[in-house]
Amino acid sequence: PGWNDYTQPWSKSGNDLTLGFDTY
């Protein structure tokens, strides 16, 4: 809760949310 661990890129296109190499 008290700090951040990992950073990665993200992008959004419509209802597609890409986190790293996966698109949700």
mmCIF file of all heavy atoms, coordinates in Angstrom:
data_MODEL
# 
_entry.id   MODEL 
# 
loop_
_atom_site.group_PDB 
_atom_site.id 
_atom_site.type_symbol 
_atom_site.label_atom_id 
_atom_site.label_alt_id 
_atom_site.label_comp_id 
_atom_site.label_asym_id 
_atom_site.label_entity_id 
_atom_site.label_seq_id 
_atom_site.pdbx_PDB_ins_code 
_atom_site.Cartn_x 
_atom_site.Cartn_y 
_atom_site.Cartn_z 
_atom_site.occupancy 
_atom_site.B_iso_or_equiv 
_atom_site.pdbx_formal_charge 
_atom_site.auth_seq_id 
_atom_site.auth_comp_id 
_atom_site.auth_asym_id 
_atom_site.auth_atom_id 
_atom_site.pdbx_PDB_model_num 
ATOM 1   N N   . PRO A 1 1  ? 0.797   -1.228  0.000   1.00 0.00 ? 1  PRO A N   1 
ATOM 2   C CA  . PRO A 1 1  ? 0.000   0.000   0.000   1.00 0.00 ? 1  PRO A CA  1 
ATOM 3   C C   . PRO A 1 1  ? 0.829   1.277   0.000   1.00 0.00 ? 1  PRO A C   1 
ATOM 4   O O   . PRO A 1 1  ? 0.439   2.269   -0.608  1.00 0.00 ? 1  PRO A O   1 
ATOM 5   C CB  . PRO A 1 1  ? -0.818  -0.117  1.300   1.00 0.00 ? 1  PRO A CB  1 
ATOM 6   C CG  . PRO A 1 1  ? -0.861  -1.575  1.592   1.00 0.00 ? 1  PRO A CG  1 
ATOM 7   C CD  . PRO A 1 1  ? 0.462   -2.116  1.139   1.00 0.00 ? 1  PRO A CD  1 
ATOM 8   N N   . GLY A 1 2  ? 1.993   1.257   0.687   1.00 0.00 ? 2  GLY A N   1 
ATOM 9   C CA  . GLY A 1 2  ? 2.704   2.496   0.959   1.00 0.00 ? 2  GLY A CA  1 
ATOM 10  C C   . GLY A 1 2  ? 3.696   2.964   -0.073  1.00 0.00 ? 2  GLY A C   1 
ATOM 11  O O   . GLY A 1 2  ? 4.270   4.043   0.084   1.00 0.00 ? 2  GLY A O   1 
ATOM 12  N N   . TRP A 1 3  ? 3.918   2.194   -1.136  1.00 0.00 ? 3  TRP A N   1 
ATOM 13  C CA  . TRP A 1 3  ? 4.868   2.647   -2.160  1.00 0.00 ? 3  TRP A CA  1 
ATOM 14  C C   . TRP A 1 3  ? 4.619   1.932   -3.473  1.00 0.00 ? 3  TRP A C   1 
ATOM 15  O O   . TRP A 1 3  ? 3.869   0.971   -3.548  1.00 0.00 ? 3  TRP A O   1 
ATOM 16  C CB  . TRP A 1 3  ? 6.316   2.453   -1.714  1.00 0.00 ? 3  TRP A CB  1 
ATOM 17  C CG  . TRP A 1 3  ? 6.728   1.032   -1.438  1.00 0.00 ? 3  TRP A CG  1 
ATOM 18  C CD1 . TRP A 1 3  ? 7.136   0.106   -2.349  1.00 0.00 ? 3  TRP A CD1 1 
ATOM 19  C CD2 . TRP A 1 3  ? 6.799   0.395   -0.173  1.00 0.00 ? 3  TRP A CD2 1 
ATOM 20  N NE1 . TRP A 1 3  ? 7.446   -1.077  -1.728  1.00 0.00 ? 3  TRP A NE1 1 
ATOM 21  C CE2 . TRP A 1 3  ? 7.260   -0.922  -0.386  1.00 0.00 ? 3  TRP A CE2 1 
ATOM 22  C CE3 . TRP A 1 3  ? 6.538   0.815   1.138   1.00 0.00 ? 3  TRP A CE3 1 
ATOM 23  C CZ2 . TRP A 1 3  ? 7.441   -1.836  0.652   1.00 0.00 ? 3  TRP A CZ2 1 
ATOM 24  C CZ3 . TRP A 1 3  ? 6.720   -0.094  2.171   1.00 0.00 ? 3  TRP A CZ3 1 
ATOM 25  C CH2 . TRP A 1 3  ? 7.174   -1.397  1.917   1.00 0.00 ? 3  TRP A CH2 1 
ATOM 26  N N   . ASN A 1 4  ? 5.255   2.407   -4.535  1.00 0.00 ? 4  ASN A N   1 
ATOM 27  C CA  . ASN A 1 4  ? 5.119   1.815   -5.861  1.00 0.00 ? 4  ASN A CA  1 
ATOM 28  C C   . ASN A 1 4  ? 6.236   0.802   -6.101  1.00 0.00 ? 4  ASN A C   1 
ATOM 29  O O   . ASN A 1 4  ? 7.360   0.985   -5.648  1.00 0.00 ? 4  ASN A O   1 
ATOM 30  C CB  . ASN A 1 4  ? 5.163   2.901   -6.939  1.00 0.00 ? 4  ASN A CB  1 
ATOM 31  C CG  . ASN A 1 4  ? 3.981   3.839   -6.834  1.00 0.00 ? 4  ASN A CG  1 
ATOM 32  O OD1 . ASN A 1 4  ? 2.857   3.424   -6.553  1.00 0.00 ? 4  ASN A OD1 1 
ATOM 33  N ND2 . ASN A 1 4  ? 4.218   5.128   -7.039  1.00 0.00 ? 4  ASN A ND2 1 
ATOM 34  N N   . ASP A 1 5  ? 5.922   -0.263  -6.834  1.00 0.00 ? 5  ASP A N   1 
ATOM 35  C CA  . ASP A 1 5  ? 6.881   -1.333  -7.077  1.00 0.00 ? 5  ASP A CA  1 
ATOM 36  C C   . ASP A 1 5  ? 7.422   -1.343  -8.508  1.00 0.00 ? 5  ASP A C   1 
ATOM 37  O O   . ASP A 1 5  ? 8.621   -1.274  -8.721  1.00 0.00 ? 5  ASP A O   1 
ATOM 38  C CB  . ASP A 1 5  ? 6.245   -2.695  -6.778  1.00 0.00 ? 5  ASP A CB  1 
ATOM 39  C CG  . ASP A 1 5  ? 6.047   -2.909  -5.287  1.00 0.00 ? 5  ASP A CG  1 
ATOM 40  O OD1 . ASP A 1 5  ? 7.039   -2.837  -4.546  1.00 0.00 ? 5  ASP A OD1 1 
ATOM 41  O OD2 . ASP A 1 5  ? 4.899   -3.137  -4.867  1.00 0.00 ? 5  ASP A OD2 1 
ATOM 42  N N   . TYR A 1 6  ? 6.519   -1.432  -9.494  1.00 0.00 ? 6  TYR A N   1 
ATOM 43  C CA  . TYR A 1 6  ? 6.951   -1.615  -10.880 1.00 0.00 ? 6  TYR A CA  1 
ATOM 44  C C   . TYR A 1 6  ? 6.266   -0.593  -11.781 1.00 0.00 ? 6  TYR A C   1 
ATOM 45  O O   . TYR A 1 6  ? 5.116   -0.228  -11.561 1.00 0.00 ? 6  TYR A O   1 
ATOM 46  C CB  . TYR A 1 6  ? 6.620   -3.026  -11.374 1.00 0.00 ? 6  TYR A CB  1 
ATOM 47  C CG  . TYR A 1 6  ? 7.186   -4.115  -10.491 1.00 0.00 ? 6  TYR A CG  1 
ATOM 48  C CD1 . TYR A 1 6  ? 6.376   -4.788  -9.580  1.00 0.00 ? 6  TYR A CD1 1 
ATOM 49  C CD2 . TYR A 1 6  ? 8.535   -4.440  -10.549 1.00 0.00 ? 6  TYR A CD2 1 
ATOM 50  C CE1 . TYR A 1 6  ? 6.896   -5.774  -8.757  1.00 0.00 ? 6  TYR A CE1 1 
ATOM 51  C CE2 . TYR A 1 6  ? 9.066   -5.422  -9.719  1.00 0.00 ? 6  TYR A CE2 1 
ATOM 52  C CZ  . TYR A 1 6  ? 8.236   -6.081  -8.827  1.00 0.00 ? 6  TYR A CZ  1 
ATOM 53  O OH  . TYR A 1 6  ? 8.752   -7.045  -8.016  1.00 0.00 ? 6  TYR A OH  1 
ATOM 54  N N   . THR A 1 7  ? 6.995   -0.173  -12.793 1.00 0.00 ? 7  THR A N   1 
ATOM 55  C CA  . THR A 1 7  ? 6.463   0.785   -13.757 1.00 0.00 ? 7  THR A CA  1 
ATOM 56  C C   . THR A 1 7  ? 6.458   0.159   -15.142 1.00 0.00 ? 7  THR A C   1 
ATOM 57  O O   . THR A 1 7  ? 7.428   -0.512  -15.530 1.00 0.00 ? 7  THR A O   1 
ATOM 58  C CB  . THR A 1 7  ? 7.318   2.069   -13.779 1.00 0.00 ? 7  THR A CB  1 
ATOM 59  O OG1 . THR A 1 7  ? 7.315   2.654   -12.475 1.00 0.00 ? 7  THR A OG1 1 
ATOM 60  C CG2 . THR A 1 7  ? 6.759   3.085   -14.783 1.00 0.00 ? 7  THR A CG2 1 
ATOM 61  N N   . GLN A 1 8  ? 5.387   0.359   -15.894 1.00 0.00 ? 8  GLN A N   1 
ATOM 62  C CA  . GLN A 1 8  ? 5.339   -0.144  -17.259 1.00 0.00 ? 8  GLN A CA  1 
ATOM 63  C C   . GLN A 1 8  ? 4.453   0.765   -18.110 1.00 0.00 ? 8  GLN A C   1 
ATOM 64  O O   . GLN A 1 8  ? 3.651   1.531   -17.580 1.00 0.00 ? 8  GLN A O   1 
ATOM 65  C CB  . GLN A 1 8  ? 4.825   -1.583  -17.302 1.00 0.00 ? 8  GLN A CB  1 
ATOM 66  C CG  . GLN A 1 8  ? 3.371   -1.758  -16.907 1.00 0.00 ? 8  GLN A CG  1 
ATOM 67  C CD  . GLN A 1 8  ? 2.945   -3.218  -17.027 1.00 0.00 ? 8  GLN A CD  1 
ATOM 68  O OE1 . GLN A 1 8  ? 3.681   -4.133  -16.698 1.00 0.00 ? 8  GLN A OE1 1 
ATOM 69  N NE2 . GLN A 1 8  ? 1.741   -3.440  -17.519 1.00 0.00 ? 8  GLN A NE2 1 
ATOM 70  N N   . PRO A 1 9  ? 4.582   0.686   -19.434 1.00 0.00 ? 9  PRO A N   1 
ATOM 71  C CA  . PRO A 1 9  ? 3.763   1.531   -20.306 1.00 0.00 ? 9  PRO A CA  1 
ATOM 72  C C   . PRO A 1 9  ? 2.332   1.009   -20.384 1.00 0.00 ? 9  PRO A C   1 
ATOM 73  O O   . PRO A 1 9  ? 2.065   -0.163  -20.100 1.00 0.00 ? 9  PRO A O   1 
ATOM 74  C CB  . PRO A 1 9  ? 4.474   1.414   -21.662 1.00 0.00 ? 9  PRO A CB  1 
ATOM 75  C CG  . PRO A 1 9  ? 5.152   0.078   -21.620 1.00 0.00 ? 9  PRO A CG  1 
ATOM 76  C CD  . PRO A 1 9  ? 5.569   -0.120  -20.193 1.00 0.00 ? 9  PRO A CD  1 
ATOM 77  N N   . TRP A 1 10 ? 1.429   1.892   -20.769 1.00 0.00 ? 10 TRP A N   1 
ATOM 78  C CA  . TRP A 1 10 ? 0.050   1.487   -21.012 1.00 0.00 ? 10 TRP A CA  1 
ATOM 79  C C   . TRP A 1 10 ? -0.525  2.354   -22.128 1.00 0.00 ? 10 TRP A C   1 
ATOM 80  O O   . TRP A 1 10 ? -0.033  3.443   -22.411 1.00 0.00 ? 10 TRP A O   1 
ATOM 81  C CB  . TRP A 1 10 ? -0.807  1.623   -19.750 1.00 0.00 ? 10 TRP A CB  1 
ATOM 82  C CG  . TRP A 1 10 ? -1.099  3.041   -19.326 1.00 0.00 ? 10 TRP A CG  1 
ATOM 83  C CD1 . TRP A 1 10 ? -0.299  3.860   -18.586 1.00 0.00 ? 10 TRP A CD1 1 
ATOM 84  C CD2 . TRP A 1 10 ? -2.268  3.812   -19.639 1.00 0.00 ? 10 TRP A CD2 1 
ATOM 85  N NE1 . TRP A 1 10 ? -0.887  5.083   -18.406 1.00 0.00 ? 10 TRP A NE1 1 
ATOM 86  C CE2 . TRP A 1 10 ? -2.098  5.083   -19.046 1.00 0.00 ? 10 TRP A CE2 1 
ATOM 87  C CE3 . TRP A 1 10 ? -3.429  3.545   -20.364 1.00 0.00 ? 10 TRP A CE3 1 
ATOM 88  C CZ2 . TRP A 1 10 ? -3.054  6.088   -19.152 1.00 0.00 ? 10 TRP A CZ2 1 
ATOM 89  C CZ3 . TRP A 1 10 ? -4.389  4.542   -20.468 1.00 0.00 ? 10 TRP A CZ3 1 
ATOM 90  C CH2 . TRP A 1 10 ? -4.201  5.799   -19.862 1.00 0.00 ? 10 TRP A CH2 1 
ATOM 91  N N   . SER A 1 11 ? -1.565  1.859   -22.762 1.00 0.00 ? 11 SER A N   1 
ATOM 92  C CA  . SER A 1 11 ? -2.265  2.638   -23.784 1.00 0.00 ? 11 SER A CA  1 
ATOM 93  C C   . SER A 1 11 ? -3.707  2.168   -23.847 1.00 0.00 ? 11 SER A C   1 
ATOM 94  O O   . SER A 1 11 ? -4.034  1.051   -23.441 1.00 0.00 ? 11 SER A O   1 
ATOM 95  C CB  . SER A 1 11 ? -1.592  2.491   -25.153 1.00 0.00 ? 11 SER A CB  1 
ATOM 96  O OG  . SER A 1 11 ? -1.632  1.146   -25.592 1.00 0.00 ? 11 SER A OG  1 
ATOM 97  N N   . LYS A 1 12 ? -4.558  3.034   -24.358 1.00 0.00 ? 12 LYS A N   1 
ATOM 98  C CA  . LYS A 1 12 ? -5.983  2.729   -24.444 1.00 0.00 ? 12 LYS A CA  1 
ATOM 99  C C   . LYS A 1 12 ? -6.501  3.112   -25.817 1.00 0.00 ? 12 LYS A C   1 
ATOM 100 O O   . LYS A 1 12 ? -6.213  4.196   -26.335 1.00 0.00 ? 12 LYS A O   1 
ATOM 101 C CB  . LYS A 1 12 ? -6.742  3.495   -23.362 1.00 0.00 ? 12 LYS A CB  1 
ATOM 102 C CG  . LYS A 1 12 ? -8.242  3.250   -23.315 1.00 0.00 ? 12 LYS A CG  1 
ATOM 103 C CD  . LYS A 1 12 ? -8.859  4.024   -22.166 1.00 0.00 ? 12 LYS A CD  1 
ATOM 104 C CE  . LYS A 1 12 ? -10.360 3.855   -22.122 1.00 0.00 ? 12 LYS A CE  1 
ATOM 105 N NZ  . LYS A 1 12 ? -11.034 4.414   -23.318 1.00 0.00 ? 12 LYS A NZ  1 
ATOM 106 N N   . SER A 1 13 ? -7.245  2.210   -26.427 1.00 0.00 ? 13 SER A N   1 
ATOM 107 C CA  . SER A 1 13 ? -7.889  2.481   -27.707 1.00 0.00 ? 13 SER A CA  1 
ATOM 108 C C   . SER A 1 13 ? -9.311  1.950   -27.639 1.00 0.00 ? 13 SER A C   1 
ATOM 109 O O   . SER A 1 13 ? -9.524  0.721   -27.627 1.00 0.00 ? 13 SER A O   1 
ATOM 110 C CB  . SER A 1 13 ? -7.125  1.808   -28.857 1.00 0.00 ? 13 SER A CB  1 
ATOM 111 O OG  . SER A 1 13 ? -7.786  2.016   -30.090 1.00 0.00 ? 13 SER A OG  1 
ATOM 112 N N   . GLY A 1 14 ? -10.279 2.856   -27.544 1.00 0.00 ? 14 GLY A N   1 
ATOM 113 C CA  . GLY A 1 14 ? -11.652 2.415   -27.343 1.00 0.00 ? 14 GLY A CA  1 
ATOM 114 C C   . GLY A 1 14 ? -11.755 1.685   -26.019 1.00 0.00 ? 14 GLY A C   1 
ATOM 115 O O   . GLY A 1 14 ? -11.377 2.189   -24.973 1.00 0.00 ? 14 GLY A O   1 
ATOM 116 N N   . ASN A 1 15 ? -12.233 0.434   -26.053 1.00 0.00 ? 15 ASN A N   1 
ATOM 117 C CA  . ASN A 1 15 ? -12.328 -0.380  -24.842 1.00 0.00 ? 15 ASN A CA  1 
ATOM 118 C C   . ASN A 1 15 ? -11.166 -1.355  -24.707 1.00 0.00 ? 15 ASN A C   1 
ATOM 119 O O   . ASN A 1 15 ? -11.223 -2.258  -23.859 1.00 0.00 ? 15 ASN A O   1 
ATOM 120 C CB  . ASN A 1 15 ? -13.651 -1.157  -24.834 1.00 0.00 ? 15 ASN A CB  1 
ATOM 121 C CG  . ASN A 1 15 ? -14.835 -0.249  -24.538 1.00 0.00 ? 15 ASN A CG  1 
ATOM 122 O OD1 . ASN A 1 15 ? -14.695 0.722   -23.795 1.00 0.00 ? 15 ASN A OD1 1 
ATOM 123 N ND2 . ASN A 1 15 ? -15.979 -0.548  -25.122 1.00 0.00 ? 15 ASN A ND2 1 
ATOM 124 N N   . ASP A 1 16 ? -10.143 -1.185  -25.520 1.00 0.00 ? 16 ASP A N   1 
ATOM 125 C CA  . ASP A 1 16 ? -8.946  -2.015  -25.409 1.00 0.00 ? 16 ASP A CA  1 
ATOM 126 C C   . ASP A 1 16 ? -7.910  -1.308  -24.534 1.00 0.00 ? 16 ASP A C   1 
ATOM 127 O O   . ASP A 1 16 ? -7.529  -0.175  -24.817 1.00 0.00 ? 16 ASP A O   1 
ATOM 128 C CB  . ASP A 1 16 ? -8.345  -2.288  -26.786 1.00 0.00 ? 16 ASP A CB  1 
ATOM 129 C CG  . ASP A 1 16 ? -9.205  -3.214  -27.631 1.00 0.00 ? 16 ASP A CG  1 
ATOM 130 O OD1 . ASP A 1 16 ? -9.989  -3.982  -27.039 1.00 0.00 ? 16 ASP A OD1 1 
ATOM 131 O OD2 . ASP A 1 16 ? -9.100  -3.182  -28.869 1.00 0.00 ? 16 ASP A OD2 1 
ATOM 132 N N   . LEU A 1 17 ? -7.466  -1.993  -23.503 1.00 0.00 ? 17 LEU A N   1 
ATOM 133 C CA  . LEU A 1 17 ? -6.472  -1.446  -22.584 1.00 0.00 ? 17 LEU A CA  1 
ATOM 134 C C   . LEU A 1 17 ? -5.228  -2.326  -22.640 1.00 0.00 ? 17 LEU A C   1 
ATOM 135 O O   . LEU A 1 17 ? -5.262  -3.487  -22.232 1.00 0.00 ? 17 LEU A O   1 
ATOM 136 C CB  . LEU A 1 17 ? -7.025  -1.408  -21.154 1.00 0.00 ? 17 LEU A CB  1 
ATOM 137 C CG  . LEU A 1 17 ? -6.084  -0.891  -20.071 1.00 0.00 ? 17 LEU A CG  1 
ATOM 138 C CD1 . LEU A 1 17 ? -5.720  0.569   -20.308 1.00 0.00 ? 17 LEU A CD1 1 
ATOM 139 C CD2 . LEU A 1 17 ? -6.713  -1.059  -18.689 1.00 0.00 ? 17 LEU A CD2 1 
ATOM 140 N N   . THR A 1 18 ? -4.137  -1.775  -23.155 1.00 0.00 ? 18 THR A N   1 
ATOM 141 C CA  . THR A 1 18 ? -2.896  -2.529  -23.285 1.00 0.00 ? 18 THR A CA  1 
ATOM 142 C C   . THR A 1 18 ? -1.977  -2.214  -22.116 1.00 0.00 ? 18 THR A C   1 
ATOM 143 O O   . THR A 1 18 ? -1.614  -1.061  -21.887 1.00 0.00 ? 18 THR A O   1 
ATOM 144 C CB  . THR A 1 18 ? -2.185  -2.215  -24.620 1.00 0.00 ? 18 THR A CB  1 
ATOM 145 O OG1 . THR A 1 18 ? -3.052  -2.563  -25.701 1.00 0.00 ? 18 THR A OG1 1 
ATOM 146 C CG2 . THR A 1 18 ? -0.897  -3.011  -24.739 1.00 0.00 ? 18 THR A CG2 1 
ATOM 147 N N   . LEU A 1 19 ? -1.619  -3.253  -21.358 1.00 0.00 ? 19 LEU A N   1 
ATOM 148 C CA  . LEU A 1 19 ? -0.711  -3.142  -20.227 1.00 0.00 ? 19 LEU A CA  1 
ATOM 149 C C   . LEU A 1 19 ? 0.500   -4.007  -20.540 1.00 0.00 ? 19 LEU A C   1 
ATOM 150 O O   . LEU A 1 19 ? 0.405   -5.237  -20.547 1.00 0.00 ? 19 LEU A O   1 
ATOM 151 C CB  . LEU A 1 19 ? -1.379  -3.624  -18.937 1.00 0.00 ? 19 LEU A CB  1 
ATOM 152 C CG  . LEU A 1 19 ? -2.754  -3.019  -18.605 1.00 0.00 ? 19 LEU A CG  1 
ATOM 153 C CD1 . LEU A 1 19 ? -3.322  -3.646  -17.340 1.00 0.00 ? 19 LEU A CD1 1 
ATOM 154 C CD2 . LEU A 1 19 ? -2.653  -1.511  -18.455 1.00 0.00 ? 19 LEU A CD2 1 
ATOM 155 N N   . GLY A 1 20 ? 1.621   -3.366  -20.809 1.00 0.00 ? 20 GLY A N   1 
ATOM 156 C CA  . GLY A 1 20 ? 2.798   -4.133  -21.221 1.00 0.00 ? 20 GLY A CA  1 
ATOM 157 C C   . GLY A 1 20 ? 2.543   -4.809  -22.553 1.00 0.00 ? 20 GLY A C   1 
ATOM 158 O O   . GLY A 1 20 ? 2.260   -4.145  -23.555 1.00 0.00 ? 20 GLY A O   1 
ATOM 159 N N   . PHE A 1 21 ? 2.557   -6.153  -22.561 1.00 0.00 ? 21 PHE A N   1 
ATOM 160 C CA  . PHE A 1 21 ? 2.362   -6.900  -23.802 1.00 0.00 ? 21 PHE A CA  1 
ATOM 161 C C   . PHE A 1 21 ? 0.956   -7.478  -23.934 1.00 0.00 ? 21 PHE A C   1 
ATOM 162 O O   . PHE A 1 21 ? 0.644   -8.116  -24.934 1.00 0.00 ? 21 PHE A O   1 
ATOM 163 C CB  . PHE A 1 21 ? 3.385   -8.047  -23.889 1.00 0.00 ? 21 PHE A CB  1 
ATOM 164 C CG  . PHE A 1 21 ? 4.812   -7.584  -23.914 1.00 0.00 ? 21 PHE A CG  1 
ATOM 165 C CD1 . PHE A 1 21 ? 5.617   -7.705  -22.794 1.00 0.00 ? 21 PHE A CD1 1 
ATOM 166 C CD2 . PHE A 1 21 ? 5.343   -7.004  -25.052 1.00 0.00 ? 21 PHE A CD2 1 
ATOM 167 C CE1 . PHE A 1 21 ? 6.935   -7.268  -22.810 1.00 0.00 ? 21 PHE A CE1 1 
ATOM 168 C CE2 . PHE A 1 21 ? 6.654   -6.558  -25.082 1.00 0.00 ? 21 PHE A CE2 1 
ATOM 169 C CZ  . PHE A 1 21 ? 7.454   -6.692  -23.958 1.00 0.00 ? 21 PHE A CZ  1 
ATOM 170 N N   . ASP A 1 22 ? 0.098   -7.260  -22.931 1.00 0.00 ? 22 ASP A N   1 
ATOM 171 C CA  . ASP A 1 22 ? -1.243  -7.844  -22.939 1.00 0.00 ? 22 ASP A CA  1 
ATOM 172 C C   . ASP A 1 22 ? -2.301  -6.772  -23.156 1.00 0.00 ? 22 ASP A C   1 
ATOM 173 O O   . ASP A 1 22 ? -2.205  -5.669  -22.616 1.00 0.00 ? 22 ASP A O   1 
ATOM 174 C CB  . ASP A 1 22 ? -1.526  -8.565  -21.615 1.00 0.00 ? 22 ASP A CB  1 
ATOM 175 C CG  . ASP A 1 22 ? -0.617  -9.757  -21.407 1.00 0.00 ? 22 ASP A CG  1 
ATOM 176 O OD1 . ASP A 1 22 ? -0.380  -10.496 -22.379 1.00 0.00 ? 22 ASP A OD1 1 
ATOM 177 O OD2 . ASP A 1 22 ? -0.130  -9.950  -20.265 1.00 0.00 ? 22 ASP A OD2 1 
ATOM 178 N N   . THR A 1 23 ? -3.346  -7.120  -23.919 1.00 0.00 ? 23 THR A N   1 
ATOM 179 C CA  . THR A 1 23 ? -4.443  -6.196  -24.171 1.00 0.00 ? 23 THR A CA  1 
ATOM 180 C C   . THR A 1 23 ? -5.729  -6.745  -23.565 1.00 0.00 ? 23 THR A C   1 
ATOM 181 O O   . THR A 1 23 ? -6.196  -7.825  -23.929 1.00 0.00 ? 23 THR A O   1 
ATOM 182 C CB  . THR A 1 23 ? -4.634  -5.959  -25.677 1.00 0.00 ? 23 THR A CB  1 
ATOM 183 O OG1 . THR A 1 23 ? -3.437  -5.368  -26.221 1.00 0.00 ? 23 THR A OG1 1 
ATOM 184 C CG2 . THR A 1 23 ? -5.797  -5.007  -25.933 1.00 0.00 ? 23 THR A CG2 1 
ATOM 185 N N   . TYR A 1 24 ? -6.262  -6.007  -22.619 1.00 0.00 ? 24 TYR A N   1 
ATOM 186 C CA  . TYR A 1 24 ? -7.484  -6.382  -21.910 1.00 0.00 ? 24 TYR A CA  1 
ATOM 187 C C   . TYR A 1 24 ? -8.675  -5.619  -22.489 1.00 0.00 ? 24 TYR A C   1 
ATOM 188 O O   . TYR A 1 24 ? -8.529  -4.535  -23.056 1.00 0.00 ? 24 TYR A O   1 
ATOM 189 C CB  . TYR A 1 24 ? -7.370  -6.032  -20.427 1.00 0.00 ? 24 TYR A CB  1 
ATOM 190 C CG  . TYR A 1 24 ? -6.318  -6.803  -19.669 1.00 0.00 ? 24 TYR A CG  1 
ATOM 191 C CD1 . TYR A 1 24 ? -4.967  -6.473  -19.756 1.00 0.00 ? 24 TYR A CD1 1 
ATOM 192 C CD2 . TYR A 1 24 ? -6.676  -7.861  -18.833 1.00 0.00 ? 24 TYR A CD2 1 
ATOM 193 C CE1 . TYR A 1 24 ? -3.999  -7.176  -19.052 1.00 0.00 ? 24 TYR A CE1 1 
ATOM 194 C CE2 . TYR A 1 24 ? -5.717  -8.565  -18.122 1.00 0.00 ? 24 TYR A CE2 1 
ATOM 195 C CZ  . TYR A 1 24 ? -4.378  -8.218  -18.236 1.00 0.00 ? 24 TYR A CZ  1 
ATOM 196 O OH  . TYR A 1 24 ? -3.437  -8.922  -17.536 1.00 0.00 ? 24 TYR A OH  1 
# 
